[in-house]
N, C-alpha and C. Protein backbone atom coordinates (compact mmCIF):
# COMPACT_ATOMS: atom_id res chain seq x y z
N MET A 1 74.59 -92.71 101.95
CA MET A 1 74.71 -93.84 100.98
C MET A 1 75.45 -93.50 99.58
N ASP A 2 76.54 -94.38 99.38
CA ASP A 2 77.30 -93.83 98.24
C ASP A 2 76.66 -94.11 96.87
N ARG A 3 77.29 -93.63 95.82
CA ARG A 3 76.60 -93.74 94.51
C ARG A 3 76.49 -95.02 93.98
N SER A 4 77.47 -96.03 94.41
CA SER A 4 77.29 -97.53 93.94
C SER A 4 76.05 -98.02 94.43
N SER A 5 75.95 -97.86 95.81
CA SER A 5 74.68 -98.41 96.42
C SER A 5 73.43 -97.86 95.99
N GLU A 6 73.43 -96.66 95.71
CA GLU A 6 72.14 -96.01 94.96
C GLU A 6 72.04 -96.76 93.66
N GLN A 7 72.91 -96.89 92.90
CA GLN A 7 72.61 -97.50 91.60
C GLN A 7 72.20 -98.95 91.65
N GLN A 8 72.79 -99.81 92.71
CA GLN A 8 72.23 -101.00 92.79
C GLN A 8 70.80 -101.09 93.32
N MET A 9 70.57 -100.15 94.07
CA MET A 9 69.17 -100.15 94.64
C MET A 9 68.20 -99.84 93.53
N GLU A 10 68.50 -99.03 92.58
CA GLU A 10 67.87 -98.51 91.41
C GLU A 10 67.57 -99.67 90.43
N GLU A 11 68.62 -100.35 90.04
CA GLU A 11 68.77 -101.62 89.17
C GLU A 11 67.75 -102.59 89.79
N SER A 12 67.95 -102.93 91.17
CA SER A 12 67.07 -104.00 91.82
C SER A 12 65.59 -103.47 91.69
N ARG A 13 65.25 -102.22 91.83
CA ARG A 13 63.84 -101.78 91.78
C ARG A 13 63.24 -101.94 90.40
N VAL A 14 64.04 -101.66 89.23
CA VAL A 14 63.54 -101.67 88.08
C VAL A 14 63.28 -103.14 87.59
N ASN A 15 64.42 -103.97 87.96
CA ASN A 15 64.32 -105.52 87.51
C ASN A 15 63.36 -106.14 88.13
N SER A 16 62.75 -105.73 89.47
CA SER A 16 61.64 -106.55 90.12
C SER A 16 60.46 -106.53 89.37
N ALA A 17 59.71 -107.49 89.63
CA ALA A 17 58.39 -107.67 88.88
C ALA A 17 57.48 -106.35 89.17
N PRO A 18 57.09 -105.86 88.24
CA PRO A 18 56.31 -104.38 88.46
C PRO A 18 54.84 -104.78 88.81
N SER A 19 54.22 -103.88 89.55
CA SER A 19 52.89 -103.92 89.81
C SER A 19 52.09 -103.05 88.92
N VAL A 20 50.81 -103.10 88.79
CA VAL A 20 50.03 -102.41 87.84
C VAL A 20 50.38 -100.89 88.01
N THR A 21 50.69 -100.46 89.12
CA THR A 21 50.95 -99.01 89.34
C THR A 21 52.26 -98.55 88.92
N THR A 22 53.18 -99.46 88.41
CA THR A 22 54.45 -99.16 88.02
C THR A 22 54.64 -99.39 86.62
N ILE A 23 53.90 -100.00 85.86
CA ILE A 23 54.20 -100.26 84.43
C ILE A 23 54.24 -99.12 83.61
N GLU A 24 53.29 -98.06 83.97
CA GLU A 24 53.36 -96.67 83.27
C GLU A 24 54.78 -95.97 83.45
N GLU A 25 55.46 -96.14 84.60
CA GLU A 25 56.74 -95.60 84.77
C GLU A 25 57.63 -96.27 83.81
N LEU A 26 57.59 -97.71 83.98
CA LEU A 26 58.49 -98.43 82.95
C LEU A 26 58.28 -98.11 81.39
N MET A 27 57.05 -97.77 81.05
CA MET A 27 56.73 -97.44 79.75
C MET A 27 57.48 -96.04 79.42
N LEU A 28 57.49 -95.14 80.40
CA LEU A 28 58.07 -93.77 80.11
C LEU A 28 59.60 -94.07 79.94
N ARG A 29 60.15 -94.86 80.74
CA ARG A 29 61.65 -95.20 80.70
C ARG A 29 61.95 -95.80 79.31
N TYR A 30 60.99 -96.81 79.02
CA TYR A 30 61.20 -97.44 77.73
C TYR A 30 61.22 -96.40 76.55
N GLN A 31 60.36 -95.42 76.61
CA GLN A 31 60.38 -94.33 75.61
C GLN A 31 61.72 -93.56 75.58
N GLN A 32 62.50 -93.70 76.76
CA GLN A 32 63.70 -92.97 76.89
C GLN A 32 64.92 -93.86 76.53
N ALA A 33 64.64 -95.09 76.03
CA ALA A 33 65.44 -96.05 75.80
C ALA A 33 66.32 -96.68 76.82
N ASP A 34 65.58 -96.73 77.89
CA ASP A 34 66.13 -97.47 79.27
C ASP A 34 65.95 -98.78 79.08
N GLU A 35 67.22 -99.64 78.89
CA GLU A 35 67.03 -101.06 78.46
C GLU A 35 66.69 -101.88 79.58
N ALA A 36 67.02 -101.61 80.73
CA ALA A 36 66.58 -102.42 82.07
C ALA A 36 65.01 -102.17 82.18
N ALA A 37 64.54 -101.07 82.05
CA ALA A 37 63.04 -100.94 82.16
C ALA A 37 62.38 -101.46 80.88
N THR A 38 62.90 -101.50 79.70
CA THR A 38 62.30 -102.05 78.54
C THR A 38 62.31 -103.81 78.81
N ARG A 39 63.21 -104.41 79.38
CA ARG A 39 63.29 -105.90 79.61
C ARG A 39 62.20 -106.04 80.75
N ALA A 40 62.34 -105.28 81.68
CA ALA A 40 61.24 -105.44 82.75
C ALA A 40 59.91 -105.59 82.23
N LEU A 41 59.42 -104.34 81.53
CA LEU A 41 58.18 -104.14 80.90
C LEU A 41 57.73 -105.45 80.04
N ILE A 42 58.64 -105.94 79.19
CA ILE A 42 58.45 -106.93 78.39
C ILE A 42 58.19 -108.40 79.25
N GLU A 43 59.03 -108.61 80.05
CA GLU A 43 58.92 -109.67 80.89
C GLU A 43 57.70 -109.75 81.65
N HIS A 44 57.26 -108.64 82.10
CA HIS A 44 55.91 -108.60 82.88
C HIS A 44 54.61 -108.67 82.07
N LEU A 45 54.55 -108.07 80.85
CA LEU A 45 53.46 -108.11 79.97
C LEU A 45 53.24 -109.23 79.17
N SER A 46 54.51 -109.81 78.75
CA SER A 46 54.39 -110.80 77.60
C SER A 46 53.59 -112.08 77.96
N PRO A 47 53.74 -112.62 79.32
CA PRO A 47 52.87 -113.77 79.56
C PRO A 47 51.47 -113.44 79.56
N GLN A 48 50.90 -112.35 79.99
CA GLN A 48 49.44 -112.15 79.83
C GLN A 48 49.04 -111.78 78.45
N LEU A 49 49.77 -111.13 77.52
CA LEU A 49 49.50 -110.89 76.17
C LEU A 49 49.47 -112.23 75.47
N HIS A 50 50.39 -113.13 75.71
CA HIS A 50 50.49 -114.55 75.04
C HIS A 50 49.09 -115.23 75.27
N ARG A 51 48.65 -115.32 76.76
CA ARG A 51 47.49 -115.89 77.09
C ARG A 51 46.30 -115.21 76.41
N PHE A 52 46.28 -114.00 76.17
CA PHE A 52 45.33 -113.31 75.37
C PHE A 52 45.29 -113.78 74.07
N PHE A 53 46.23 -113.86 73.25
CA PHE A 53 46.39 -114.38 72.05
C PHE A 53 45.98 -115.76 71.90
N ALA A 54 46.26 -116.54 72.82
CA ALA A 54 46.16 -118.18 72.82
C ALA A 54 44.64 -118.36 73.01
N SER A 55 44.12 -117.56 73.97
CA SER A 55 42.67 -117.68 74.34
C SER A 55 41.76 -117.30 72.95
N GLN A 56 42.16 -116.41 72.28
CA GLN A 56 41.32 -115.82 71.20
C GLN A 56 41.58 -116.90 69.93
N GLN A 57 42.80 -117.45 69.87
CA GLN A 57 43.11 -118.34 68.74
C GLN A 57 42.41 -119.77 69.01
N PHE A 58 42.36 -120.03 70.35
CA PHE A 58 41.70 -121.43 70.57
C PHE A 58 40.12 -121.46 70.30
N GLY A 59 39.53 -120.36 70.45
CA GLY A 59 38.21 -120.28 70.05
C GLY A 59 37.83 -120.10 68.71
N ASN A 60 38.83 -119.69 67.77
CA ASN A 60 38.65 -119.56 66.43
C ASN A 60 38.26 -120.66 65.61
N ARG A 61 36.94 -120.91 65.16
CA ARG A 61 36.58 -122.08 64.54
C ARG A 61 36.91 -122.08 62.91
N ALA A 62 37.38 -120.93 62.54
CA ALA A 62 37.67 -120.82 61.18
C ALA A 62 39.15 -121.46 60.74
N GLY A 63 39.57 -121.81 61.84
CA GLY A 63 41.02 -122.61 61.65
C GLY A 63 41.97 -121.91 62.59
N ASN A 64 42.62 -122.79 63.44
CA ASN A 64 43.40 -122.27 64.45
C ASN A 64 44.90 -122.39 63.95
N SER A 65 45.27 -121.62 62.87
CA SER A 65 46.56 -121.65 62.40
C SER A 65 47.52 -120.40 62.83
N ASP A 66 46.84 -119.52 63.70
CA ASP A 66 47.58 -118.47 64.15
C ASP A 66 48.33 -118.84 65.42
N ASP A 67 49.62 -118.43 65.34
CA ASP A 67 50.47 -118.85 66.40
C ASP A 67 50.56 -117.63 67.45
N PRO A 68 50.32 -117.98 68.70
CA PRO A 68 50.33 -116.84 69.72
C PRO A 68 51.66 -116.27 69.84
N SER A 69 52.61 -117.10 69.73
CA SER A 69 54.00 -116.54 69.85
C SER A 69 54.25 -115.46 68.86
N ASP A 70 53.83 -115.97 67.63
CA ASP A 70 54.11 -114.89 66.35
C ASP A 70 53.36 -113.61 66.66
N MET A 71 52.12 -113.78 67.16
CA MET A 71 51.36 -112.59 67.37
C MET A 71 51.97 -111.72 68.40
N LEU A 72 52.52 -112.26 69.48
CA LEU A 72 53.15 -111.51 70.57
C LEU A 72 54.37 -110.82 70.15
N GLN A 73 55.02 -111.58 69.25
CA GLN A 73 56.21 -110.92 68.65
C GLN A 73 55.84 -109.67 67.69
N ASP A 74 54.79 -109.74 66.99
CA ASP A 74 54.26 -108.64 66.21
C ASP A 74 53.74 -107.60 67.08
N ALA A 75 53.06 -107.99 68.16
CA ALA A 75 52.63 -106.96 69.01
C ALA A 75 53.68 -106.06 69.58
N TRP A 76 54.80 -106.66 70.23
CA TRP A 76 55.84 -105.94 70.50
C TRP A 76 56.54 -105.21 69.52
N LEU A 77 56.66 -105.60 68.25
CA LEU A 77 57.25 -104.80 67.12
C LEU A 77 56.33 -103.39 67.01
N ARG A 78 55.06 -103.62 66.89
CA ARG A 78 54.23 -102.59 66.86
C ARG A 78 54.28 -101.66 67.97
N ILE A 79 54.47 -102.08 69.22
CA ILE A 79 54.41 -101.31 70.29
C ILE A 79 55.84 -100.42 70.33
N HIS A 80 56.85 -101.05 69.83
CA HIS A 80 57.96 -100.32 69.66
C HIS A 80 58.01 -99.22 68.65
N ARG A 81 57.45 -99.48 67.55
CA ARG A 81 57.22 -98.50 66.60
C ARG A 81 56.42 -97.30 66.96
N VAL A 82 55.42 -97.50 67.82
CA VAL A 82 54.46 -96.53 68.14
C VAL A 82 54.71 -96.05 69.62
N ARG A 83 55.69 -96.43 70.20
CA ARG A 83 55.78 -96.23 71.66
C ARG A 83 55.78 -94.75 71.97
N HIS A 84 56.21 -93.81 71.09
CA HIS A 84 56.29 -92.44 71.19
C HIS A 84 54.72 -91.98 71.44
N THR A 85 53.76 -92.64 71.02
CA THR A 85 52.37 -92.15 70.96
C THR A 85 51.75 -92.30 72.44
N TYR A 86 52.46 -93.08 73.28
CA TYR A 86 51.88 -93.24 74.77
C TYR A 86 52.18 -91.99 75.29
N ARG A 87 51.09 -91.45 75.99
CA ARG A 87 51.17 -90.17 76.86
C ARG A 87 51.23 -90.49 78.26
N ALA A 88 52.19 -89.71 78.91
CA ALA A 88 52.33 -89.89 80.23
C ALA A 88 51.02 -89.50 81.08
N GLY A 89 50.75 -90.23 82.05
CA GLY A 89 49.59 -90.04 82.84
C GLY A 89 48.46 -90.85 82.38
N GLU A 90 48.51 -91.48 81.27
CA GLU A 90 47.37 -92.31 80.81
C GLU A 90 47.58 -93.87 81.29
N PRO A 91 46.52 -94.64 81.56
CA PRO A 91 46.83 -95.88 81.94
C PRO A 91 47.52 -96.74 80.81
N LEU A 92 48.33 -97.62 81.05
CA LEU A 92 49.06 -98.26 80.01
C LEU A 92 48.37 -99.48 79.41
N LEU A 93 47.62 -100.30 80.39
CA LEU A 93 47.14 -101.49 79.79
C LEU A 93 46.20 -101.26 78.53
N PRO A 94 45.20 -100.34 78.65
CA PRO A 94 44.35 -100.14 77.68
C PRO A 94 44.92 -99.80 76.31
N TRP A 95 46.03 -99.01 76.28
CA TRP A 95 46.77 -98.64 75.19
C TRP A 95 47.48 -99.95 74.63
N ILE A 96 48.09 -100.69 75.56
CA ILE A 96 48.63 -102.10 75.05
C ILE A 96 47.78 -102.89 74.47
N TYR A 97 46.42 -103.23 75.03
CA TYR A 97 45.65 -104.10 74.56
C TYR A 97 44.91 -103.60 73.33
N ALA A 98 44.84 -102.36 73.15
CA ALA A 98 44.23 -101.80 71.93
C ALA A 98 45.05 -102.25 70.75
N ILE A 99 46.34 -102.16 70.90
CA ILE A 99 47.37 -102.52 69.83
C ILE A 99 47.30 -104.07 69.65
N ALA A 100 47.15 -104.90 70.84
CA ALA A 100 47.10 -106.40 70.70
C ALA A 100 45.82 -106.83 69.96
N ARG A 101 44.78 -106.11 70.21
CA ARG A 101 43.57 -106.50 69.30
C ARG A 101 43.76 -106.23 67.95
N ARG A 102 44.51 -105.09 67.65
CA ARG A 102 44.66 -104.83 66.17
C ARG A 102 45.47 -105.92 65.53
N VAL A 103 46.57 -106.45 66.26
CA VAL A 103 47.45 -107.52 65.78
C VAL A 103 46.68 -108.80 65.49
N ARG A 104 45.55 -108.96 66.52
CA ARG A 104 44.85 -110.16 66.40
C ARG A 104 43.87 -110.09 65.07
N VAL A 105 43.26 -109.01 64.93
CA VAL A 105 42.47 -108.92 63.73
C VAL A 105 43.31 -109.08 62.46
N ASP A 106 44.28 -108.22 62.48
CA ASP A 106 45.28 -108.32 61.17
C ASP A 106 45.71 -109.60 61.05
N SER A 107 46.10 -110.45 61.98
CA SER A 107 46.41 -111.81 61.76
C SER A 107 45.29 -112.67 61.06
N TYR A 108 44.08 -112.57 61.65
CA TYR A 108 42.94 -113.20 61.23
C TYR A 108 42.65 -112.86 59.79
N ARG A 109 42.63 -111.62 59.33
CA ARG A 109 42.54 -111.18 58.01
C ARG A 109 43.50 -111.69 57.04
N LYS A 110 44.73 -111.71 57.51
CA LYS A 110 45.73 -112.25 56.73
C LYS A 110 45.50 -113.79 56.44
N ARG A 111 45.18 -114.54 57.50
CA ARG A 111 44.90 -115.86 57.35
C ARG A 111 43.66 -116.20 56.40
N ARG A 112 42.79 -115.30 56.45
CA ARG A 112 41.55 -115.37 55.52
C ARG A 112 41.99 -115.24 54.03
N ARG A 113 42.86 -114.23 53.89
CA ARG A 113 43.21 -113.91 52.55
C ARG A 113 44.08 -115.25 51.98
N ILE A 114 44.90 -115.71 52.90
CA ILE A 114 45.52 -117.01 52.38
C ILE A 114 44.74 -117.99 52.05
N ALA A 115 43.68 -118.25 52.86
CA ALA A 115 42.76 -119.27 52.58
C ALA A 115 41.99 -119.21 51.47
N VAL A 116 41.63 -117.97 51.05
CA VAL A 116 40.98 -117.69 49.72
C VAL A 116 41.68 -118.10 48.53
N ARG A 117 43.09 -117.77 48.70
CA ARG A 117 43.88 -118.15 47.51
C ARG A 117 44.22 -119.61 47.38
N GLU A 118 44.01 -120.42 48.46
CA GLU A 118 44.40 -121.78 48.46
C GLU A 118 43.38 -122.48 47.66
N VAL A 119 43.79 -123.52 46.90
CA VAL A 119 42.83 -124.60 46.13
C VAL A 119 42.75 -125.67 46.95
N ALA A 120 41.59 -126.01 47.43
CA ALA A 120 41.29 -127.10 48.35
C ALA A 120 41.20 -128.33 47.44
N VAL A 121 42.11 -129.33 47.76
CA VAL A 121 42.11 -130.61 47.03
C VAL A 121 41.32 -131.73 47.85
N GLU A 122 41.22 -131.52 49.18
CA GLU A 122 40.59 -132.45 49.91
C GLU A 122 39.90 -131.71 51.21
N ILE A 123 38.69 -131.87 51.55
CA ILE A 123 38.23 -131.36 52.80
C ILE A 123 38.07 -132.44 53.77
N LEU A 124 38.82 -132.48 55.06
CA LEU A 124 38.67 -133.37 55.96
C LEU A 124 37.84 -132.92 57.05
N PRO A 125 36.94 -133.71 57.58
CA PRO A 125 36.14 -133.27 58.80
C PRO A 125 37.07 -133.31 59.95
N GLU A 126 36.66 -132.57 60.97
CA GLU A 126 37.27 -132.54 62.19
C GLU A 126 37.01 -133.78 62.91
N MET A 127 38.13 -134.45 63.16
CA MET A 127 38.10 -135.75 63.88
C MET A 127 38.01 -135.58 65.37
N PRO A 128 37.26 -136.46 65.95
CA PRO A 128 37.05 -136.39 67.41
C PRO A 128 38.28 -136.44 68.23
N ALA A 129 39.28 -137.20 67.43
CA ALA A 129 40.53 -137.57 68.18
C ALA A 129 41.11 -136.06 68.43
N GLN A 130 40.85 -135.15 67.92
CA GLN A 130 41.41 -133.81 68.21
C GLN A 130 41.15 -133.28 69.52
N ARG A 131 40.07 -133.80 70.15
CA ARG A 131 39.73 -133.32 71.50
C ARG A 131 40.77 -133.71 72.52
N GLU A 132 41.61 -134.89 72.06
CA GLU A 132 42.61 -135.23 73.14
C GLU A 132 43.60 -134.01 73.43
N ASP A 133 43.86 -133.16 72.33
CA ASP A 133 44.72 -132.04 72.48
C ASP A 133 44.11 -130.99 73.29
N SER A 134 42.64 -130.72 72.91
CA SER A 134 42.14 -129.65 73.57
C SER A 134 41.90 -129.93 75.06
N ALA A 135 41.90 -131.38 75.38
CA ALA A 135 41.66 -131.70 76.79
C ALA A 135 42.78 -131.07 77.70
N LYS A 136 43.94 -130.97 77.08
CA LYS A 136 45.13 -130.62 77.81
C LYS A 136 45.24 -129.12 77.94
N LEU A 137 44.26 -128.32 77.35
CA LEU A 137 44.26 -126.92 77.43
C LEU A 137 43.82 -126.61 78.78
N PRO A 138 44.06 -125.26 79.35
CA PRO A 138 43.49 -124.84 80.52
C PRO A 138 41.96 -124.94 80.52
N GLN A 139 41.31 -125.12 81.68
CA GLN A 139 39.95 -125.20 81.80
C GLN A 139 39.31 -123.93 81.39
N PHE A 140 39.79 -122.78 81.58
CA PHE A 140 39.35 -121.59 81.34
C PHE A 140 39.11 -121.46 79.57
N ASP A 141 40.16 -121.91 79.14
CA ASP A 141 40.19 -121.89 77.58
C ASP A 141 38.94 -122.77 76.95
N GLN A 142 38.94 -124.00 77.52
CA GLN A 142 37.79 -124.76 77.15
C GLN A 142 36.36 -124.35 77.31
N LEU A 143 36.25 -123.67 78.48
CA LEU A 143 35.04 -123.01 78.79
C LEU A 143 34.62 -121.92 77.77
N ILE A 144 35.67 -121.02 77.45
CA ILE A 144 35.16 -120.02 76.70
C ILE A 144 35.25 -120.06 75.18
N ALA A 145 35.71 -121.32 74.67
CA ALA A 145 36.00 -121.70 73.37
C ALA A 145 34.56 -121.34 72.43
N ASP A 146 33.52 -121.64 72.89
CA ASP A 146 32.31 -121.62 72.03
C ASP A 146 31.47 -120.26 72.28
N LEU A 147 32.09 -119.37 73.04
CA LEU A 147 31.59 -117.99 73.17
C LEU A 147 31.77 -117.15 72.04
N PRO A 148 30.82 -116.18 71.65
CA PRO A 148 31.27 -115.18 70.60
C PRO A 148 32.63 -114.63 70.79
N ALA A 149 33.16 -114.21 69.82
CA ALA A 149 34.56 -113.57 69.96
C ALA A 149 34.51 -112.28 70.76
N SER A 150 33.49 -111.41 70.91
CA SER A 150 33.59 -110.28 71.59
C SER A 150 33.38 -110.68 73.20
N GLN A 151 32.63 -111.67 73.49
CA GLN A 151 32.53 -112.17 74.90
C GLN A 151 33.69 -112.73 75.37
N ARG A 152 34.37 -113.65 74.36
CA ARG A 152 35.56 -114.37 74.68
C ARG A 152 36.56 -113.22 75.06
N GLU A 153 36.73 -112.34 74.29
CA GLU A 153 37.68 -111.25 74.45
C GLU A 153 37.53 -110.61 75.73
N VAL A 154 36.43 -110.22 75.97
CA VAL A 154 36.26 -109.39 77.31
C VAL A 154 36.39 -110.35 78.55
N LEU A 155 35.90 -111.63 78.61
CA LEU A 155 36.38 -112.48 79.71
C LEU A 155 37.87 -112.64 79.84
N THR A 156 38.59 -112.76 78.71
CA THR A 156 39.90 -113.06 78.82
C THR A 156 40.67 -111.81 79.42
N MET A 157 40.22 -110.55 78.91
CA MET A 157 40.83 -109.35 79.52
C MET A 157 40.57 -109.18 81.08
N LEU A 158 39.26 -109.66 81.27
CA LEU A 158 38.77 -109.51 82.68
C LEU A 158 39.41 -110.39 83.66
N LYS A 159 39.25 -111.80 83.48
CA LYS A 159 39.72 -112.85 84.26
C LYS A 159 41.03 -113.37 84.09
N VAL A 160 41.51 -113.13 82.98
CA VAL A 160 43.07 -113.76 82.71
C VAL A 160 44.00 -112.64 82.79
N ASN A 161 43.64 -111.44 82.14
CA ASN A 161 44.71 -110.38 82.25
C ASN A 161 44.52 -109.28 83.32
N GLY A 162 43.39 -109.51 84.00
CA GLY A 162 43.12 -108.70 85.21
C GLY A 162 42.69 -107.02 84.97
N LEU A 163 42.27 -106.76 83.73
CA LEU A 163 41.94 -105.48 83.42
C LEU A 163 40.59 -105.11 84.13
N SER A 164 40.43 -103.75 84.39
CA SER A 164 39.11 -103.49 84.90
C SER A 164 38.17 -103.16 83.81
N LEU A 165 36.96 -103.01 84.22
CA LEU A 165 35.89 -102.72 83.12
C LEU A 165 36.27 -101.51 82.41
N GLU A 166 36.79 -100.43 83.13
CA GLU A 166 37.02 -99.21 82.49
C GLU A 166 38.24 -99.41 81.54
N GLU A 167 39.13 -100.14 81.92
CA GLU A 167 40.43 -100.34 80.96
C GLU A 167 39.97 -101.17 79.81
N ILE A 168 39.11 -102.24 80.08
CA ILE A 168 38.59 -102.98 78.81
C ILE A 168 37.90 -102.08 77.89
N ALA A 169 37.04 -101.27 78.37
CA ALA A 169 36.06 -100.34 77.67
C ALA A 169 37.21 -99.26 76.83
N ARG A 170 38.23 -98.81 77.41
CA ARG A 170 39.16 -98.02 76.72
C ARG A 170 39.92 -98.96 75.54
N ALA A 171 40.35 -100.11 75.88
CA ALA A 171 40.98 -100.87 74.81
C ALA A 171 40.12 -101.39 73.65
N THR A 172 38.84 -101.61 73.97
CA THR A 172 37.92 -102.06 72.92
C THR A 172 37.18 -100.94 72.19
N SER A 173 37.36 -99.66 72.73
CA SER A 173 36.60 -98.61 72.21
C SER A 173 35.09 -98.72 72.45
N CYS A 174 34.78 -99.42 73.55
CA CYS A 174 33.28 -99.49 73.88
C CYS A 174 32.94 -98.71 75.17
N SER A 175 31.67 -98.61 75.49
CA SER A 175 31.32 -98.07 76.73
C SER A 175 31.48 -99.16 77.76
N VAL A 176 31.53 -98.65 79.17
CA VAL A 176 31.58 -99.58 80.21
C VAL A 176 30.18 -100.58 80.25
N GLY A 177 29.26 -99.86 80.03
CA GLY A 177 27.86 -100.68 79.94
C GLY A 177 27.93 -101.81 78.92
N SER A 178 28.49 -101.54 77.70
CA SER A 178 28.55 -102.64 76.67
C SER A 178 29.43 -103.73 77.20
N VAL A 179 30.71 -103.41 77.79
CA VAL A 179 31.57 -104.32 78.35
C VAL A 179 30.84 -105.09 79.47
N LYS A 180 30.03 -104.54 80.37
CA LYS A 180 29.31 -105.22 81.32
C LYS A 180 28.34 -106.25 80.71
N GLN A 181 27.65 -105.80 79.69
CA GLN A 181 26.67 -106.57 78.94
C GLN A 181 27.29 -107.84 78.37
N LYS A 182 28.32 -107.49 77.79
CA LYS A 182 29.04 -108.72 77.15
C LYS A 182 29.63 -109.68 78.28
N ALA A 183 30.01 -109.39 79.33
CA ALA A 183 30.44 -110.02 80.48
C ALA A 183 29.30 -110.88 80.96
N HIS A 184 28.19 -110.12 81.21
CA HIS A 184 26.94 -110.87 81.70
C HIS A 184 26.62 -111.85 80.77
N ARG A 185 26.37 -111.75 79.49
CA ARG A 185 25.95 -112.65 78.67
C ARG A 185 26.83 -113.80 78.55
N ALA A 186 28.30 -113.63 78.64
CA ALA A 186 29.21 -114.68 78.53
C ALA A 186 29.04 -115.56 79.93
N TYR A 187 28.79 -114.99 81.10
CA TYR A 187 28.54 -115.70 82.43
C TYR A 187 27.41 -116.54 82.33
N GLU A 188 26.24 -115.94 81.65
CA GLU A 188 24.97 -116.65 81.47
C GLU A 188 25.30 -118.02 80.51
N ARG A 189 26.03 -117.75 79.46
CA ARG A 189 26.45 -118.90 78.55
C ARG A 189 27.32 -119.88 79.27
N LEU A 190 28.20 -119.57 80.10
CA LEU A 190 29.04 -120.46 80.77
C LEU A 190 28.20 -121.21 81.84
N ARG A 191 27.13 -120.55 82.58
CA ARG A 191 26.36 -121.28 83.50
C ARG A 191 25.62 -122.23 82.78
N ALA A 192 25.10 -122.13 81.55
CA ALA A 192 24.28 -123.09 80.59
C ALA A 192 25.19 -124.29 80.47
N LEU A 193 26.50 -123.92 79.99
CA LEU A 193 27.44 -124.93 79.73
C LEU A 193 27.62 -125.79 80.83
N LEU A 194 27.88 -125.30 82.18
CA LEU A 194 28.27 -126.10 83.27
C LEU A 194 27.01 -126.87 83.72
N GLN A 195 25.68 -126.40 83.51
CA GLN A 195 24.57 -127.17 83.94
C GLN A 195 24.07 -128.30 82.80
N SER A 196 24.84 -128.24 81.73
CA SER A 196 24.42 -129.15 80.67
C SER A 196 24.76 -130.61 81.07
N PRO A 197 24.36 -131.59 80.43
CA PRO A 197 24.60 -132.90 80.75
C PRO A 197 26.22 -133.28 80.53
N LEU A 198 26.73 -132.59 79.65
CA LEU A 198 28.28 -132.68 79.42
C LEU A 198 29.03 -132.44 80.52
N ALA A 199 28.52 -131.65 81.44
CA ALA A 199 29.27 -131.10 82.55
C ALA A 199 29.59 -132.17 83.48
N GLY A 200 28.89 -133.24 83.55
CA GLY A 200 29.00 -134.49 84.49
C GLY A 200 29.73 -135.36 83.77
N SER A 201 30.15 -135.28 82.46
CA SER A 201 30.74 -136.36 81.77
C SER A 201 32.17 -136.26 81.76
N GLY A 202 32.66 -135.12 82.17
CA GLY A 202 34.19 -135.02 82.15
C GLY A 202 34.62 -133.97 81.02
N VAL A 203 33.68 -133.73 80.18
CA VAL A 203 34.12 -132.85 79.18
C VAL A 203 34.35 -131.38 79.60
N ILE A 204 33.35 -130.92 80.35
CA ILE A 204 33.47 -129.60 81.07
C ILE A 204 33.60 -130.00 82.47
N ARG A 205 34.58 -129.66 83.14
CA ARG A 205 34.82 -129.98 84.56
C ARG A 205 34.53 -128.68 85.38
């Protein structure tokens, strides 16, 4: 096989959608300023990170002013700044989601500081008409909206982002037992919602 063919095969392999077992390799190449690997890593992880931020934002009853796209951009900026701290051989997803959680918390704190400084001239109640927009959201986001933040976070990582219990424990600095408990309580809450009278009215399908 000539050198040109080997190069084409290498580029094709890097640019293909990576599996969970190859994102660590892409991260190592990212650390080495490999542009193709960097693009592949960003393209692979960005959709699930965006969904993570969107799910957390939708359930935030203090005011849904955080833009998931802005938080995603902030997350990648932070990942780029601290990329040298990722250690070869460690699972990548817990490292990534630990950064994503800090971005979300910092965004919440920033929004709260802004809200404190603002002078409220009029307080408007939440209008029922707003439910028309929420009805367009994915069913999963509707179901988890009223869960406590910690349970919502665990379910999003588990069911949407595909992390294992061990990876979630690493990302959230909790024990595996604590993660299981949060997931169990979230499932119990969802069962109660699905069995409520609203479940048959079309509000929760």
